[in-house]
Protein backbone atom coordinates (compact mmCIF):
# COMPACT_ATOMS: atom_id res chain seq x y z
CA UNK A 1 29.64 -9.58 -2.73
CA UNK A 2 30.03 -6.42 -4.76
CA UNK A 3 32.80 -8.03 -6.82
CA UNK A 4 30.59 -10.99 -7.63
CA UNK A 5 27.77 -8.66 -8.66
CA UNK A 6 30.12 -6.50 -10.76
CA UNK A 7 29.21 -3.36 -8.83
CA UNK A 8 31.60 -0.82 -7.32
CA UNK A 9 29.42 0.32 -4.42
CA UNK A 10 26.47 -1.06 -2.46
CA UNK A 11 23.37 -1.62 -4.55
CA UNK A 12 20.75 1.16 -4.31
CA UNK A 13 17.97 -1.33 -3.64
CA UNK A 14 20.19 -3.36 -1.29
CA UNK A 15 20.07 -6.48 -3.46
CA UNK A 16 23.58 -7.32 -2.28
CA UNK A 17 22.31 -7.30 1.30
CA UNK A 18 19.29 -9.40 0.34
CA UNK A 19 21.53 -12.06 -1.21
CA UNK A 20 23.61 -12.26 1.96
CA UNK A 21 20.46 -12.42 4.08
CA UNK A 22 19.04 -15.22 1.89
CA UNK A 23 22.17 -17.29 2.44
CA UNK A 24 22.21 -16.74 6.20
CA UNK A 25 18.52 -17.52 6.62
CA UNK A 26 18.70 -20.67 4.51
CA UNK A 27 22.00 -21.82 6.02
CA UNK A 28 21.03 -21.25 9.62
CA UNK A 29 17.82 -23.21 9.13
CA UNK A 30 19.17 -26.23 7.29
CA UNK A 31 21.14 -29.29 8.31
CA UNK A 32 21.84 -32.06 5.81
CA UNK A 33 22.69 -34.40 8.68
CA UNK A 34 19.19 -34.08 10.10
CA UNK A 35 17.16 -34.42 6.91
CA UNK A 36 16.74 -30.68 6.59
CA UNK A 37 16.02 -29.94 10.24
CA UNK A 38 17.11 -26.62 11.64
CA UNK A 39 20.65 -26.17 12.84
CA UNK A 40 19.58 -24.36 15.97
CA UNK A 41 16.55 -24.92 18.17
CA UNK A 42 15.88 -21.19 18.39
CA UNK A 43 15.88 -20.72 14.61
CA UNK A 44 12.91 -19.45 12.66
CA UNK A 45 10.42 -21.82 11.10
CA UNK A 46 11.56 -23.80 8.09
CA UNK A 47 11.24 -22.24 4.67
CA UNK A 48 7.91 -23.11 3.06
CA UNK A 49 7.96 -21.19 -0.21
CA UNK A 50 7.35 -17.66 1.08
CA UNK A 51 10.80 -16.10 0.94
CA UNK A 52 9.77 -12.62 2.10
CA UNK A 53 8.17 -13.97 5.29
CA UNK A 54 11.07 -16.37 5.82
CA UNK A 55 13.62 -13.54 5.58
CA UNK A 56 11.55 -11.23 7.79
CA UNK A 57 11.24 -13.97 10.44
CA UNK A 58 14.98 -14.60 10.31
CA UNK A 59 15.79 -10.89 10.67
CA UNK A 60 13.37 -10.59 13.57
CA UNK A 61 14.94 -13.62 15.29
CA UNK A 62 18.49 -12.29 14.94
CA UNK A 63 17.98 -8.52 15.18
CA UNK A 64 19.69 -8.46 18.57
CA UNK A 65 22.31 -11.14 17.91
CA UNK A 66 25.49 -10.83 19.93
CA UNK A 67 28.87 -10.12 18.35
CA UNK A 68 29.91 -13.77 18.56
CA UNK A 69 26.90 -14.86 16.51
CA UNK A 70 27.38 -12.05 13.98
CA UNK A 71 31.06 -12.87 13.58
CA UNK A 72 30.22 -16.55 13.04
CA UNK A 73 27.71 -15.60 10.34
CA UNK A 74 30.17 -13.26 8.65
CA UNK A 75 32.92 -15.88 8.73
CA UNK A 76 30.59 -18.53 7.34
CA UNK A 77 29.38 -16.29 4.50
CA UNK A 78 32.82 -15.00 3.50
CA UNK A 79 34.38 -18.45 3.72
CA UNK A 80 31.62 -20.01 1.66
CA UNK A 81 31.79 -17.36 -1.06
CA UNK A 82 35.54 -17.99 -1.22
CA UNK A 83 34.94 -21.75 -1.62
CA UNK A 84 32.47 -21.24 -4.47
CA UNK A 85 34.72 -18.72 -6.18
CA UNK A 86 37.69 -21.13 -5.95
CA UNK A 87 35.66 -23.79 -7.76
CA UNK A 88 33.77 -21.67 -10.32
CA UNK A 89 35.71 -18.41 -10.55
CA UNK A 90 33.98 -15.35 -11.99
CA UNK A 91 31.23 -17.52 -13.49
CA UNK A 92 29.89 -18.46 -10.08
CA UNK A 93 26.13 -18.05 -9.60
CA UNK A 94 25.38 -17.52 -13.31
CA UNK A 95 23.17 -19.42 -15.74
CA UNK A 96 24.26 -20.52 -19.18
CA UNK A 97 22.21 -19.05 -22.02
CA UNK A 98 21.06 -20.82 -25.18
CA UNK A 99 24.32 -19.94 -26.94
CA UNK A 100 26.28 -21.74 -24.21
CA UNK A 101 27.63 -18.51 -22.71
CA UNK A 102 27.39 -17.46 -19.10
CA UNK A 103 24.91 -14.71 -18.34
CA UNK A 104 26.21 -11.55 -16.71
CA UNK A 105 23.68 -11.33 -13.88
CA UNK A 106 23.58 -13.53 -10.81
CA UNK A 107 20.86 -16.13 -10.50
CA UNK A 108 19.40 -16.26 -6.99
CA UNK A 109 18.39 -19.92 -7.14
CA UNK A 110 21.89 -20.93 -8.23
CA UNK A 111 23.44 -18.73 -5.57
CA UNK A 112 21.22 -20.15 -2.84
CA UNK A 113 21.89 -23.76 -3.80
CA UNK A 114 25.66 -23.39 -4.25
CA UNK A 115 26.27 -21.32 -1.14
CA UNK A 116 24.18 -23.43 1.21
CA UNK A 117 25.56 -26.72 -0.08
CA UNK A 118 29.20 -25.56 -0.19
CA UNK A 119 28.95 -24.25 3.38
CA UNK A 120 28.76 -27.83 4.67
CA UNK A 121 31.93 -29.04 2.93
CA UNK A 122 35.58 -28.42 3.63
CA UNK A 123 37.87 -26.68 1.16
CA UNK A 124 39.76 -29.95 0.79
CA UNK A 125 36.66 -31.97 -0.11
CA UNK A 126 35.57 -29.39 -2.65
CA UNK A 127 38.99 -29.11 -4.27
CA UNK A 128 39.37 -32.88 -4.42
CA UNK A 129 36.03 -33.14 -6.26
CA UNK A 130 36.27 -29.91 -8.25
CA UNK A 131 36.06 -31.44 -11.72
CA UNK A 132 33.01 -33.55 -10.86
CA UNK A 133 31.30 -30.63 -9.13
CA UNK A 134 31.86 -28.29 -12.08
CA UNK A 135 30.83 -30.86 -14.70
CA UNK A 136 27.65 -31.88 -12.89
CA UNK A 137 26.74 -28.28 -12.16
CA UNK A 138 27.20 -27.23 -15.79
CA UNK A 139 25.01 -30.12 -16.91
CA UNK A 140 22.26 -29.01 -14.53
CA UNK A 141 22.51 -25.39 -15.66
CA UNK A 142 22.69 -26.24 -19.38
CA UNK A 143 19.65 -28.44 -19.03
CA UNK A 144 17.93 -25.69 -17.02
CA UNK A 145 17.27 -28.05 -14.13
CA UNK A 146 17.90 -25.41 -11.45
CA UNK A 147 15.04 -23.18 -12.55
CA UNK A 148 12.36 -25.88 -12.47
């Protein structure tokens, strides 16, 4: 995460930790096969536009998670970041400015949408569709569709 954020050590305000937490909370409460239903019956309530409460509920639910659950979450996060990085490289999670250049800072909405969606696909599927994924994503970002 620090490499993606271009920082050498953990962020003072723990933004790196927040970004990981956002992914885990969104991912563990979403299932595209069930129309957005939770992945696990014991999960926190679905996200309804109040991110702070959503993240707090998720942390409360998993504050005593066993090692197996924590390892599964870590593996899912690291594997998903790797997938996104293999498709987008160093430009992952960044908007394109009016000059057509990638911004230096991460965009949380882009990060959330890419990480959660990529987590449900295999490396093979993503690589096979890389050009389409990149082209469609750039069109969305250039047209500013992800911030609306």
